[in-house]
Amino acid sequence: MLPQTMWLNKAVEEQLQTLKGKTGVTPNVAARIAFFRSIEKGFTFNKEKDYKLSGSLKLDKFTWLGKTQMVTELLLKQRYPEYSDKELQTAWAAHVEDGIATIRNQRDLVNLIHNIDTA
């Protein structure tokens, strides 16, 4: 399914690091939240668009996905059944980018939790 090593777009990594500085939420946990926010709102990745994975924060998929690994992979495979493993990884990264837009400007952990709870 998803490759063992995964990474994101550099701009998304920077947003995740900024969010960590403000809230203390690690980039991998924030990426999980962002992914599911994107899925909930109905975002669909178009593989025809040129999407570059330019980040340097390369982590194994267990670190990125944690206990959400199985459901994340199932959701991706259900939404994009014809995609290759590499294309699924790019779709995951695009979903994280889409979802981080709704939480990246949170000032602290309380605001982040409130934002997630009211979505």
PDB file of N, CA and C in Angstrom:
ATOM      1  N   MET A   1       0.834  -1.182   0.000  1.00  0.00           N
ATOM      2  CA  MET A   1       0.000   0.000   0.000  1.00  0.00           C
ATOM      3  C   MET A   1       0.877   1.243   0.000  1.00  0.00           C
ATOM      4  N   LEU A   2       0.891   2.011   1.067  1.00  0.00           N
ATOM      5  CA  LEU A   2       1.753   3.189   1.112  1.00  0.00           C
ATOM      6  C   LEU A   2       3.204   2.757   1.283  1.00  0.00           C
ATOM      7  N   PRO A   3       4.147   3.506   0.707  1.00  0.00           N
ATOM      8  CA  PRO A   3       5.566   3.169   0.855  1.00  0.00           C
ATOM      9  C   PRO A   3       6.005   3.243   2.323  1.00  0.00           C
ATOM     10  N   GLN A   4       7.072   2.573   2.651  1.00  0.00           N
ATOM     11  CA  GLN A   4       7.568   2.574   4.031  1.00  0.00           C
ATOM     12  C   GLN A   4       8.096   3.933   4.468  1.00  0.00           C
ATOM     13  N   THR A   5       8.661   4.706   3.533  1.00  0.00           N
ATOM     14  CA  THR A   5       9.157   6.045   3.845  1.00  0.00           C
ATOM     15  C   THR A   5       8.282   7.058   3.129  1.00  0.00           C
ATOM     16  N   MET A   6       7.816   8.048   3.874  1.00  0.00           N
ATOM     17  CA  MET A   6       6.914   9.045   3.301  1.00  0.00           C
ATOM     18  C   MET A   6       7.387  10.444   3.672  1.00  0.00           C
ATOM     19  N   TRP A   7       7.040  11.417   2.840  1.00  0.00           N
ATOM     20  CA  TRP A   7       7.386  12.802   3.112  1.00  0.00           C
ATOM     21  C   TRP A   7       6.344  13.706   2.476  1.00  0.00           C
ATOM     22  N   LEU A   8       6.470  14.995   2.746  1.00  0.00           N
ATOM     23  CA  LEU A   8       5.480  15.988   2.326  1.00  0.00           C
ATOM     24  C   LEU A   8       6.128  17.074   1.473  1.00  0.00           C
ATOM     25  N   ASN A   9       5.339  18.028   1.093  1.00  0.00           N
ATOM     26  CA  ASN A   9       5.797  19.237   0.433  1.00  0.00           C
ATOM     27  C   ASN A   9       6.527  20.088   1.482  1.00  0.00           C
ATOM     28  N   LYS A  10       7.579  20.784   1.088  1.00  0.00           N
ATOM     29  CA  LYS A  10       8.369  21.583   2.033  1.00  0.00           C
ATOM     30  C   LYS A  10       7.527  22.637   2.749  1.00  0.00           C
ATOM     31  N   ALA A  11       6.636  23.310   2.038  1.00  0.00           N
ATOM     32  CA  ALA A  11       5.800  24.346   2.658  1.00  0.00           C
ATOM     33  C   ALA A  11       4.905  23.748   3.743  1.00  0.00           C
ATOM     34  N   VAL A  12       4.391  22.548   3.514  1.00  0.00           N
ATOM     35  CA  VAL A  12       3.541  21.881   4.505  1.00  0.00           C
ATOM     36  C   VAL A  12       4.369  21.521   5.734  1.00  0.00           C
ATOM     37  N   GLU A  13       5.576  21.018   5.515  1.00  0.00           N
ATOM     38  CA  GLU A  13       6.462  20.703   6.645  1.00  0.00           C
ATOM     39  C   GLU A  13       6.699  21.933   7.503  1.00  0.00           C
ATOM     40  N   GLU A  14       6.927  23.070   6.876  1.00  0.00           N
ATOM     41  CA  GLU A  14       7.159  24.309   7.620  1.00  0.00           C
ATOM     42  C   GLU A  14       5.916  24.696   8.424  1.00  0.00           C
ATOM     43  N   GLN A  15       4.737  24.515   7.838  1.00  0.00           N
ATOM     44  CA  GLN A  15       3.499  24.816   8.552  1.00  0.00           C
ATOM     45  C   GLN A  15       3.321  23.880   9.745  1.00  0.00           C
ATOM     46  N   LEU A  16       3.664  22.613   9.563  1.00  0.00           N
ATOM     47  CA  LEU A  16       3.578  21.649  10.668  1.00  0.00           C
ATOM     48  C   LEU A  16       4.555  22.017  11.783  1.00  0.00           C
ATOM     49  N   GLN A  17       5.757  22.451  11.422  1.00  0.00           N
ATOM     50  CA  GLN A  17       6.756  22.848  12.430  1.00  0.00           C
ATOM     51  C   GLN A  17       6.300  24.100  13.179  1.00  0.00           C
ATOM     52  N   THR A  18       5.716  25.046  12.455  1.00  0.00           N
ATOM     53  CA  THR A  18       5.196  26.259  13.090  1.00  0.00           C
ATOM     54  C   THR A  18       4.070  25.900  14.054  1.00  0.00           C
ATOM     55  N   LEU A  19       3.183  25.028  13.620  1.00  0.00           N
ATOM     56  CA  LEU A  19       2.083  24.589  14.483  1.00  0.00           C
ATOM     57  C   LEU A  19       2.626  23.902  15.732  1.00  0.00           C
ATOM     58  N   LYS A  20       3.694  23.115  15.577  1.00  0.00           N
ATOM     59  CA  LYS A  20       4.309  22.457  16.731  1.00  0.00           C
ATOM     60  C   LYS A  20       4.844  23.505  17.720  1.00  0.00           C
ATOM     61  N   GLY A  21       5.455  24.535  17.197  1.00  0.00           N
ATOM     62  CA  GLY A  21       5.982  25.586  18.061  1.00  0.00           C
ATOM     63  C   GLY A  21       4.894  26.300  18.851  1.00  0.00           C
ATOM     64  N   LYS A  22       3.737  26.466  18.247  1.00  0.00           N
ATOM     65  CA  LYS A  22       2.630  27.171  18.906  1.00  0.00           C
ATOM     66  C   LYS A  22       1.833  26.277  19.842  1.00  0.00           C
ATOM     67  N   THR A  23       1.639  25.011  19.446  1.00  0.00           N
ATOM     68  CA  THR A  23       0.725  24.139  20.192  1.00  0.00           C
ATOM     69  C   THR A  23       1.407  22.980  20.905  1.00  0.00           C
ATOM     70  N   GLY A  24       2.609  22.621  20.457  1.00  0.00           N
ATOM     71  CA  GLY A  24       3.297  21.461  21.022  1.00  0.00           C
ATOM     72  C   GLY A  24       2.906  20.148  20.357  1.00  0.00           C
ATOM     73  N   VAL A  25       1.990  20.203  19.391  1.00  0.00           N
ATOM     74  CA  VAL A  25       1.555  18.994  18.687  1.00  0.00           C
ATOM     75  C   VAL A  25       2.604  18.646  17.637  1.00  0.00           C
ATOM     76  N   THR A  26       3.116  17.428  17.691  1.00  0.00           N
ATOM     77  CA  THR A  26       4.175  17.023  16.774  1.00  0.00           C
ATOM     78  C   THR A  26       3.679  16.986  15.328  1.00  0.00           C
ATOM     79  N   PRO A  27       4.592  17.158  14.369  1.00  0.00           N
ATOM     80  CA  PRO A  27       4.195  17.173  12.955  1.00  0.00           C
ATOM     81  C   PRO A  27       3.448  15.914  12.506  1.00  0.00           C
ATOM     82  N   ASN A  28       3.838  14.756  13.001  1.00  0.00           N
ATOM     83  CA  ASN A  28       3.150  13.540  12.572  1.00  0.00           C
ATOM     84  C   ASN A  28       1.699  13.498  13.076  1.00  0.00           C
ATOM     85  N   VAL A  29       1.466  13.941  14.296  1.00  0.00           N
ATOM     86  CA  VAL A  29       0.101  13.961  14.833  1.00  0.00           C
ATOM     87  C   VAL A  29      -0.716  15.039  14.120  1.00  0.00           C
ATOM     88  N   ALA A  30      -0.131  16.203  13.892  1.00  0.00           N
ATOM     89  CA  ALA A  30      -0.832  17.265  13.169  1.00  0.00           C
ATOM     90  C   ALA A  30      -1.144  16.825  11.737  1.00  0.00           C
ATOM     91  N   ALA A  31      -0.250  16.058  11.123  1.00  0.00           N
ATOM     92  CA  ALA A  31      -0.497  15.548   9.766  1.00  0.00           C
ATOM     93  C   ALA A  31      -1.681  14.588   9.767  1.00  0.00           C
ATOM     94  N   ARG A  32      -1.809  13.778  10.790  1.00  0.00           N
ATOM     95  CA  ARG A  32      -2.962  12.865  10.891  1.00  0.00           C
ATOM     96  C   ARG A  32      -4.259  13.662  10.996  1.00  0.00           C
ATOM     97  N   ILE A  33      -4.258  14.676  11.850  1.00  0.00           N
ATOM     98  CA  ILE A  33      -5.445  15.519  12.016  1.00  0.00           C
ATOM     99  C   ILE A  33      -5.784  16.186  10.682  1.00  0.00           C
ATOM    100  N   ALA A  34      -4.781  16.738  10.023  1.00  0.00           N
ATOM    101  CA  ALA A  34      -4.994  17.421   8.751  1.00  0.00           C
ATOM    102  C   ALA A  34      -5.539  16.464   7.691  1.00  0.00           C
ATOM    103  N   PHE A  35      -4.991  15.257   7.634  1.00  0.00           N
ATOM    104  CA  PHE A  35      -5.465  14.274   6.652  1.00  0.00           C
ATOM    105  C   PHE A  35      -6.954  14.002   6.841  1.00  0.00           C
ATOM    106  N   PHE A  36      -7.362  13.720   8.064  1.00  0.00           N
ATOM    107  CA  PHE A  36      -8.762  13.383   8.305  1.00  0.00           C
ATOM    108  C   PHE A  36      -9.678  14.597   8.127  1.00  0.00           C
ATOM    109  N   ARG A  37      -9.193  15.807   8.414  1.00  0.00           N
ATOM    110  CA  ARG A  37      -9.983  17.016   8.132  1.00  0.00           C
ATOM    111  C   ARG A  37     -10.242  17.126   6.638  1.00  0.00           C
ATOM    112  N   SER A  38      -9.233  16.848   5.841  1.00  0.00           N
ATOM    113  CA  SER A  38      -9.351  16.907   4.389  1.00  0.00           C
ATOM    114  C   SER A  38     -10.336  15.868   3.859  1.00  0.00           C
ATOM    115  N   ILE A  39     -10.251  14.655   4.394  1.00  0.00           N
ATOM    116  CA  ILE A  39     -11.174  13.589   3.990  1.00  0.00           C
ATOM    117  C   ILE A  39     -12.610  13.992   4.348  1.00  0.00           C
ATOM    118  N   GLU A  40     -12.793  14.518   5.563  1.00  0.00           N
ATOM    119  CA  GLU A  40     -14.132  14.920   6.016  1.00  0.00           C
ATOM    120  C   GLU A  40     -14.757  15.988   5.121  1.00  0.00           C
ATOM    121  N   LYS A  41     -13.936  16.911   4.665  1.00  0.00           N
ATOM    122  CA  LYS A  41     -14.502  17.992   3.853  1.00  0.00           C
ATOM    123  C   LYS A  41     -14.666  17.603   2.391  1.00  0.00           C
ATOM    124  N   GLY A  42     -14.190  16.427   1.996  1.00  0.00           N
ATOM    125  CA  GLY A  42     -14.440  15.926   0.653  1.00  0.00           C
ATOM    126  C   GLY A  42     -13.398  16.273  -0.397  1.00  0.00           C
ATOM    127  N   PHE A  43     -12.227  16.705   0.014  1.00  0.00           N
ATOM    128  CA  PHE A  43     -11.163  17.014  -0.943  1.00  0.00           C
ATOM    129  C   PHE A  43     -10.824  15.778  -1.778  1.00  0.00           C
ATOM    130  N   THR A  44     -10.580  15.989  -3.054  1.00  0.00           N
ATOM    131  CA  THR A  44     -10.153  14.908  -3.939  1.00  0.00           C
ATOM    132  C   THR A  44      -8.883  15.328  -4.652  1.00  0.00           C
ATOM    133  N   PHE A  45      -7.872  14.490  -4.584  1.00  0.00           N
ATOM    134  CA  PHE A  45      -6.588  14.748  -5.225  1.00  0.00           C
ATOM    135  C   PHE A  45      -6.676  14.395  -6.707  1.00  0.00           C
ATOM    136  N   ASN A  46      -6.105  15.258  -7.540  1.00  0.00           N
ATOM    137  CA  ASN A  46      -6.047  15.015  -8.976  1.00  0.00           C
ATOM    138  C   ASN A  46      -4.595  14.724  -9.348  1.00  0.00           C
ATOM    139  N   LYS A  47      -4.308  13.484  -9.719  1.00  0.00           N
ATOM    140  CA  LYS A  47      -2.919  13.117 -10.009  1.00  0.00           C
ATOM    141  C   LYS A  47      -2.395  13.747 -11.288  1.00  0.00           C
ATOM    142  N   GLU A  48      -3.280  14.351 -12.081  1.00  0.00           N
ATOM    143  CA  GLU A  48      -2.845  15.030 -13.296  1.00  0.00           C
ATOM    144  C   GLU A  48      -2.145  16.348 -12.979  1.00  0.00           C
ATOM    145  N   LYS A  49      -2.435  16.915 -11.818  1.00  0.00           N
ATOM    146  CA  LYS A  49      -1.763  18.143 -11.397  1.00  0.00           C
ATOM    147  C   LYS A  49      -0.342  17.804 -10.962  1.00  0.00           C
ATOM    148  N   ASP A  50       0.553  18.728 -11.212  1.00  0.00           N
ATOM    149  CA  ASP A  50       1.950  18.523 -10.846  1.00  0.00           C
ATOM    150  C   ASP A  50       2.122  18.841  -9.362  1.00  0.00           C
ATOM    151  N   TYR A  51       2.241  17.806  -8.533  1.00  0.00           N
ATOM    152  CA  TYR A  51       2.384  17.985  -7.090  1.00  0.00           C
ATOM    153  C   TYR A  51       3.751  17.443  -6.676  1.00  0.00           C
ATOM    154  N   LYS A  52       4.576  18.311  -6.134  1.00  0.00           N
ATOM    155  CA  LYS A  52       5.949  17.940  -5.772  1.00  0.00           C
ATOM    156  C   LYS A  52       6.079  17.646  -4.277  1.00  0.00           C
ATOM    157  N   LEU A  53       6.731  16.549  -3.984  1.00  0.00           N
ATOM    158  CA  LEU A  53       7.070  16.199  -2.608  1.00  0.00           C
ATOM    159  C   LEU A  53       8.509  16.646  -2.383  1.00  0.00           C
ATOM    160  N   SER A  54       8.669  17.845  -1.859  1.00  0.00           N
ATOM    161  CA  SER A  54       9.986  18.468  -1.783  1.00  0.00           C
ATOM    162  C   SER A  54      10.547  18.556  -0.373  1.00  0.00           C
ATOM    163  N   GLY A  55       9.857  18.021   0.591  1.00  0.00           N
ATOM    164  CA  GLY A  55      10.282  18.155   1.981  1.00  0.00           C
ATOM    165  C   GLY A  55      11.464  17.289   2.337  1.00  0.00           C
ATOM    166  N   SER A  56      12.046  17.577   3.471  1.00  0.00           N
ATOM    167  CA  SER A  56      13.204  16.810   3.935  1.00  0.00           C
ATOM    168  C   SER A  56      12.881  15.956   5.162  1.00  0.00           C
ATOM    169  N   LEU A  57      11.689  16.097   5.706  1.00  0.00           N
ATOM    170  CA  LEU A  57      11.270  15.326   6.877  1.00  0.00           C
ATOM    171  C   LEU A  57      10.711  13.984   6.405  1.00  0.00           C
ATOM    172  N   LYS A  58      11.616  13.046   6.168  1.00  0.00           N
ATOM    173  CA  LYS A  58      11.227  11.722   5.682  1.00  0.00           C
ATOM    174  C   LYS A  58      11.117  10.788   6.875  1.00  0.00           C
ATOM    175  N   LEU A  59       9.909  10.308   7.103  1.00  0.00           N
ATOM    176  CA  LEU A  59       9.647   9.420   8.232  1.00  0.00           C
ATOM    177  C   LEU A  59       9.027   8.133   7.715  1.00  0.00           C
ATOM    178  N   ASP A  60       9.150   7.071   8.507  1.00  0.00           N
ATOM    179  CA  ASP A  60       8.498   5.821   8.116  1.00  0.00           C
ATOM    180  C   ASP A  60       6.991   5.987   8.285  1.00  0.00           C
ATOM    181  N   LYS A  61       6.244   5.153   7.569  1.00  0.00           N
ATOM    182  CA  LYS A  61       4.794   5.346   7.571  1.00  0.00           C
ATOM    183  C   LYS A  61       4.170   5.090   8.936  1.00  0.00           C
ATOM    184  N   PHE A  62       4.769   4.240   9.761  1.00  0.00           N
ATOM    185  CA  PHE A  62       4.206   4.038  11.097  1.00  0.00           C
ATOM    186  C   PHE A  62       4.323   5.317  11.932  1.00  0.00           C
ATOM    187  N   THR A  63       5.429   6.026  11.791  1.00  0.00           N
ATOM    188  CA  THR A  63       5.593   7.279  12.531  1.00  0.00           C
ATOM    189  C   THR A  63       4.597   8.322  12.040  1.00  0.00           C
ATOM    190  N   TRP A  64       4.440   8.443  10.719  1.00  0.00           N
ATOM    191  CA  TRP A  64       3.488   9.402  10.175  1.00  0.00           C
ATOM    192  C   TRP A  64       2.052   9.064  10.564  1.00  0.00           C
ATOM    193  N   LEU A  65       1.697   7.778  10.472  1.00  0.00           N
ATOM    194  CA  LEU A  65       0.295   7.390  10.592  1.00  0.00           C
ATOM    195  C   LEU A  65      -0.093   6.807  11.940  1.00  0.00           C
ATOM    196  N   GLY A  66       0.858   6.243  12.662  1.00  0.00           N
ATOM    197  CA  GLY A  66       0.562   5.657  13.964  1.00  0.00           C
ATOM    198  C   GLY A  66      -0.541   4.616  13.888  1.00  0.00           C
ATOM    199  N   LYS A  67      -1.434   4.647  14.855  1.00  0.00           N
ATOM    200  CA  LYS A  67      -2.531   3.676  14.907  1.00  0.00           C
ATOM    201  C   LYS A  67      -3.604   3.940  13.841  1.00  0.00           C
ATOM    202  N   THR A  68      -3.478   5.049  13.118  1.00  0.00           N
ATOM    203  CA  THR A  68      -4.436   5.338  12.048  1.00  0.00           C
ATOM    204  C   THR A  68      -3.990   4.741  10.711  1.00  0.00           C
ATOM    205  N   GLN A  69      -2.889   4.011  10.714  1.00  0.00           N
ATOM    206  CA  GLN A  69      -2.328   3.500   9.459  1.00  0.00           C
ATOM    207  C   GLN A  69      -3.338   2.700   8.637  1.00  0.00           C
ATOM    208  N   MET A  70      -3.998   1.749   9.241  1.00  0.00           N
ATOM    209  CA  MET A  70      -4.905   0.882   8.499  1.00  0.00           C
ATOM    210  C   MET A  70      -6.074   1.678   7.919  1.00  0.00           C
ATOM    211  N   VAL A  71      -6.694   2.528   8.720  1.00  0.00           N
ATOM    212  CA  VAL A  71      -7.848   3.283   8.233  1.00  0.00           C
ATOM    213  C   VAL A  71      -7.414   4.314   7.183  1.00  0.00           C
ATOM    214  N   THR A  72      -6.249   4.902   7.356  1.00  0.00           N
ATOM    215  CA  THR A  72      -5.736   5.856   6.370  1.00  0.00           C
ATOM    216  C   THR A  72      -5.532   5.167   5.025  1.00  0.00           C
ATOM    217  N   GLU A  73      -4.875   4.017   5.055  1.00  0.00           N
ATOM    218  CA  GLU A  73      -4.636   3.293   3.811  1.00  0.00           C
ATOM    219  C   GLU A  73      -5.938   2.823   3.174  1.00  0.00           C
ATOM    220  N   LEU A  74      -6.885   2.387   3.970  1.00  0.00           N
ATOM    221  CA  LEU A  74      -8.176   1.957   3.429  1.00  0.00           C
ATOM    222  C   LEU A  74      -8.935   3.125   2.791  1.00  0.00           C
ATOM    223  N   LEU A  75      -8.937   4.269   3.452  1.00  0.00           N
ATOM    224  CA  LEU A  75      -9.604   5.435   2.887  1.00  0.00           C
ATOM    225  C   LEU A  75      -8.970   5.860   1.565  1.00  0.00           C
ATOM    226  N   LEU A  76      -7.648   5.854   1.524  1.00  0.00           N
ATOM    227  CA  LEU A  76      -6.964   6.221   0.283  1.00  0.00           C
ATOM    228  C   LEU A  76      -7.265   5.223  -0.832  1.00  0.00           C
ATOM    229  N   LYS A  77      -7.208   3.945  -0.517  1.00  0.00           N
ATOM    230  CA  LYS A  77      -7.453   2.912  -1.527  1.00  0.00           C
ATOM    231  C   LYS A  77      -8.904   2.953  -2.008  1.00  0.00           C
ATOM    232  N   GLN A  78      -9.821   3.255  -1.112  1.00  0.00           N
ATOM    233  CA  GLN A  78     -11.224   3.362  -1.488  1.00  0.00           C
ATOM    234  C   GLN A  78     -11.454   4.565  -2.396  1.00  0.00           C
ATOM    235  N   ARG A  79     -10.842   5.688  -2.068  1.00  0.00           N
ATOM    236  CA  ARG A  79     -11.035   6.911  -2.842  1.00  0.00           C
ATOM    237  C   ARG A  79     -10.269   6.899  -4.159  1.00  0.00           C
ATOM    238  N   TYR A  80      -9.120   6.216  -4.178  1.00  0.00           N
ATOM    239  CA  TYR A  80      -8.252   6.190  -5.361  1.00  0.00           C
ATOM    240  C   TYR A  80      -7.860   4.750  -5.705  1.00  0.00           C
ATOM    241  N   PRO A  81      -8.802   3.924  -6.103  1.00  0.00           N
ATOM    242  CA  PRO A  81      -8.517   2.494  -6.306  1.00  0.00           C
ATOM    243  C   PRO A  81      -7.516   2.197  -7.421  1.00  0.00           C
ATOM    244  N   GLU A  82      -7.390   3.087  -8.388  1.00  0.00           N
ATOM    245  CA  GLU A  82      -6.499   2.824  -9.512  1.00  0.00           C
ATOM    246  C   GLU A  82      -5.082   3.367  -9.303  1.00  0.00           C
ATOM    247  N   TYR A  83      -4.831   4.023  -8.193  1.00  0.00           N
ATOM    248  CA  TYR A  83      -3.526   4.642  -7.950  1.00  0.00           C
ATOM    249  C   TYR A  83      -2.475   3.618  -7.529  1.00  0.00           C
ATOM    250  N   SER A  84      -1.246   3.864  -7.951  1.00  0.00           N
ATOM    251  CA  SER A  84      -0.103   3.054  -7.499  1.00  0.00           C
ATOM    252  C   SER A  84       0.255   3.475  -6.071  1.00  0.00           C
ATOM    253  N   ASP A  85       1.151   2.724  -5.435  1.00  0.00           N
ATOM    254  CA  ASP A  85       1.573   3.056  -4.070  1.00  0.00           C
ATOM    255  C   ASP A  85       2.174   4.462  -4.002  1.00  0.00           C
ATOM    256  N   LYS A  86       3.010   4.806  -4.970  1.00  0.00           N
ATOM    257  CA  LYS A  86       3.632   6.131  -4.989  1.00  0.00           C
ATOM    258  C   LYS A  86       2.577   7.222  -5.187  1.00  0.00           C
ATOM    259  N   GLU A  87       1.602   6.978  -6.035  1.00  0.00           N
ATOM    260  CA  GLU A  87       0.530   7.946  -6.243  1.00  0.00           C
ATOM    261  C   GLU A  87      -0.330   8.097  -4.985  1.00  0.00           C
ATOM    262  N   LEU A  88      -0.528   7.008  -4.252  1.00  0.00           N
ATOM    263  CA  LEU A  88      -1.276   7.083  -2.989  1.00  0.00           C
ATOM    264  C   LEU A  88      -0.526   7.928  -1.969  1.00  0.00           C
ATOM    265  N   GLN A  89       0.794   7.801  -1.946  1.00  0.00           N
ATOM    266  CA  GLN A  89       1.604   8.596  -1.036  1.00  0.00           C
ATOM    267  C   GLN A  89       1.484  10.078  -1.379  1.00  0.00           C
ATOM    268  N   THR A  90       1.487  10.387  -2.664  1.00  0.00           N
ATOM    269  CA  THR A  90       1.315  11.772  -3.099  1.00  0.00           C
ATOM    270  C   THR A  90      -0.084  12.271  -2.753  1.00  0.00           C
ATOM    271  N   ALA A  91      -1.091  11.418  -2.920  1.00  0.00           N
ATOM    272  CA  ALA A  91      -2.467  11.790  -2.549  1.00  0.00           C
ATOM    273  C   ALA A  91      -2.548  12.065  -1.054  1.00  0.00           C
ATOM    274  N   TRP A  92      -1.904  11.217  -0.240  1.00  0.00           N
ATOM    275  CA  TRP A  92      -1.886  11.436   1.214  1.00  0.00           C
ATOM    276  C   TRP A  92      -1.273  12.799   1.525  1.00  0.00           C
ATOM    277  N   ALA A  93      -0.143  13.106   0.894  1.00  0.00           N
ATOM    278  CA  ALA A  93       0.533  14.383   1.137  1.00  0.00           C
ATOM    279  C   ALA A  93      -0.358  15.561   0.724  1.00  0.00           C
ATOM    280  N   ALA A  94      -1.070  15.423  -0.384  1.00  0.00           N
ATOM    281  CA  ALA A  94      -1.967  16.485  -0.831  1.00  0.00           C
ATOM    282  C   ALA A  94      -3.130  16.664   0.148  1.00  0.00           C
ATOM    283  N   HIS A  95      -3.622  15.567   0.698  1.00  0.00           N
ATOM    284  CA  HIS A  95      -4.689  15.659   1.704  1.00  0.00           C
ATOM    285  C   HIS A  95      -4.171  16.352   2.959  1.00  0.00           C
ATOM    286  N   VAL A  96      -2.946  16.054   3.365  1.00  0.00           N
ATOM    287  CA  VAL A  96      -2.371  16.724   4.537  1.00  0.00           C
ATOM    288  C   VAL A  96      -2.268  18.220   4.255  1.00  0.00           C
ATOM    289  N   GLU A  97      -1.815  18.576   3.063  1.00  0.00           N
ATOM    290  CA  GLU A  97      -1.703  19.994   2.705  1.00  0.00           C
ATOM    291  C   GLU A  97      -3.072  20.670   2.725  1.00  0.00           C
ATOM    292  N   ASP A  98      -4.069  20.010   2.178  1.00  0.00           N
ATOM    293  CA  ASP A  98      -5.420  20.570   2.173  1.00  0.00           C
ATOM    294  C   ASP A  98      -5.953  20.739   3.599  1.00  0.00           C
ATOM    295  N   GLY A  99      -5.744  19.739   4.436  1.00  0.00           N
ATOM    296  CA  GLY A  99      -6.267  19.774   5.803  1.00  0.00           C
ATOM    297  C   GLY A  99      -5.533  20.707   6.731  1.00  0.00           C
ATOM    298  N   ILE A 100      -4.246  20.920   6.485  1.00  0.00           N
ATOM    299  CA  ILE A 100      -3.469  21.780   7.388  1.00  0.00           C
ATOM    300  C   ILE A 100      -3.934  23.231   7.274  1.00  0.00           C
ATOM    301  N   ALA A 101      -4.533  23.567   6.155  1.00  0.00           N
ATOM    302  CA  ALA A 101      -5.011  24.941   5.962  1.00  0.00           C
ATOM    303  C   ALA A 101      -6.025  25.346   7.027  1.00  0.00           C
ATOM    304  N   THR A 102      -6.784  24.385   7.532  1.00  0.00           N
ATOM    305  CA  THR A 102      -7.819  24.712   8.526  1.00  0.00           C
ATOM    306  C   THR A 102      -7.291  24.786   9.954  1.00  0.00           C
ATOM    307  N   ILE A 103      -6.084  24.280  10.187  1.00  0.00           N
ATOM    308  CA  ILE A 103      -5.572  24.280  11.568  1.00  0.00           C
ATOM    309  C   ILE A 103      -4.233  24.989  11.730  1.00  0.00           C
ATOM    310  N   ARG A 104      -3.595  25.401  10.659  1.00  0.00           N
ATOM    311  CA  ARG A 104      -2.224  25.928  10.745  1.00  0.00           C
ATOM    312  C   ARG A 104      -2.094  27.235  11.512  1.00  0.00           C
ATOM    313  N   ASN A 105      -3.152  28.006  11.627  1.00  0.00           N
ATOM    314  CA  ASN A 105      -3.066  29.310  12.278  1.00  0.00           C
ATOM    315  C   ASN A 105      -3.499  29.299  13.737  1.00  0.00           C
ATOM    316  N   GLN A 106      -3.630  28.144  14.322  1.00  0.00           N
ATOM    317  CA  GLN A 106      -4.034  28.065  15.723  1.00  0.00           C
ATOM    318  C   GLN A 106      -2.910  28.601  16.612  1.00  0.00           C
ATOM    319  N   ARG A 107      -3.281  29.392  17.600  1.00  0.00           N
ATOM    320  CA  ARG A 107      -2.297  30.063  18.453  1.00  0.00           C
ATOM    321  C   ARG A 107      -1.790  29.191  19.592  1.00  0.00           C
ATOM    322  N   ASP A 108      -2.623  28.251  20.030  1.00  0.00           N
ATOM    323  CA  ASP A 108      -2.214  27.393  21.133  1.00  0.00           C
ATOM    324  C   ASP A 108      -3.022  26.099  21.094  1.00  0.00           C
ATOM    325  N   LEU A 109      -2.707  25.193  21.991  1.00  0.00           N
ATOM    326  CA  LEU A 109      -3.344  23.883  22.008  1.00  0.00           C
ATOM    327  C   LEU A 109      -4.850  23.979  22.265  1.00  0.00           C
ATOM    328  N   VAL A 110      -5.271  24.875  23.131  1.00  0.00           N
ATOM    329  CA  VAL A 110      -6.696  25.021  23.432  1.00  0.00           C
ATOM    330  C   VAL A 110      -7.468  25.420  22.173  1.00  0.00           C
ATOM    331  N   ASN A 111      -6.935  26.378  21.423  1.00  0.00           N
ATOM    332  CA  ASN A 111      -7.592  26.789  20.184  1.00  0.00           C
ATOM    333  C   ASN A 111      -7.607  25.660  19.162  1.00  0.00           C
ATOM    334  N   LEU A 112      -6.539  24.904  19.088  1.00  0.00           N
ATOM    335  CA  LEU A 112      -6.484  23.774  18.158  1.00  0.00           C
ATOM    336  C   LEU A 112      -7.549  22.739  18.510  1.00  0.00           C
ATOM    337  N   ILE A 113      -7.648  22.391  19.767  1.00  0.00           N
ATOM    338  CA  ILE A 113      -8.642  21.415  20.208  1.00  0.00           C
ATOM    339  C   ILE A 113     -10.048  21.940  19.938  1.00  0.00           C
ATOM    340  N   HIS A 114     -10.286  23.193  20.220  1.00  0.00           N
ATOM    341  CA  HIS A 114     -11.605  23.781  19.956  1.00  0.00           C
ATOM    342  C   HIS A 114     -11.919  23.734  18.458  1.00  0.00           C
ATOM    343  N   ASN A 115     -10.930  24.048  17.630  1.00  0.00           N
ATOM    344  CA  ASN A 115     -11.125  24.024  16.170  1.00  0.00           C
ATOM    345  C   ASN A 115     -11.449  22.626  15.683  1.00  0.00           C
ATOM    346  N   ILE A 116     -10.784  21.630  16.219  1.00  0.00           N
ATOM    347  CA  ILE A 116     -11.026  20.247  15.814  1.00  0.00           C
ATOM    348  C   ILE A 116     -12.401  19.794  16.312  1.00  0.00           C
ATOM    349  N   ASP A 117     -12.736  20.187  17.536  1.00  0.00           N
ATOM    350  CA  ASP A 117     -13.990  19.759  18.154  1.00  0.00           C
ATOM    351  C   ASP A 117     -15.217  20.353  17.462  1.00  0.00           C
ATOM    352  N   THR A 118     -15.100  21.565  16.929  1.00  0.00           N
ATOM    353  CA  THR A 118     -16.252  22.221  16.315  1.00  0.00           C
ATOM    354  C   THR A 118     -16.376  21.940  14.834  1.00  0.00           C
ATOM    355  N   ALA A 119     -15.464  21.208  14.272  1.00  0.00           N
ATOM    356  CA  ALA A 119     -15.510  20.941  12.826  1.00  0.00           C
ATOM    357  C   ALA A 119     -16.592  19.951  12.468  1.00  0.00           C
TER     358      ALA A 119
END
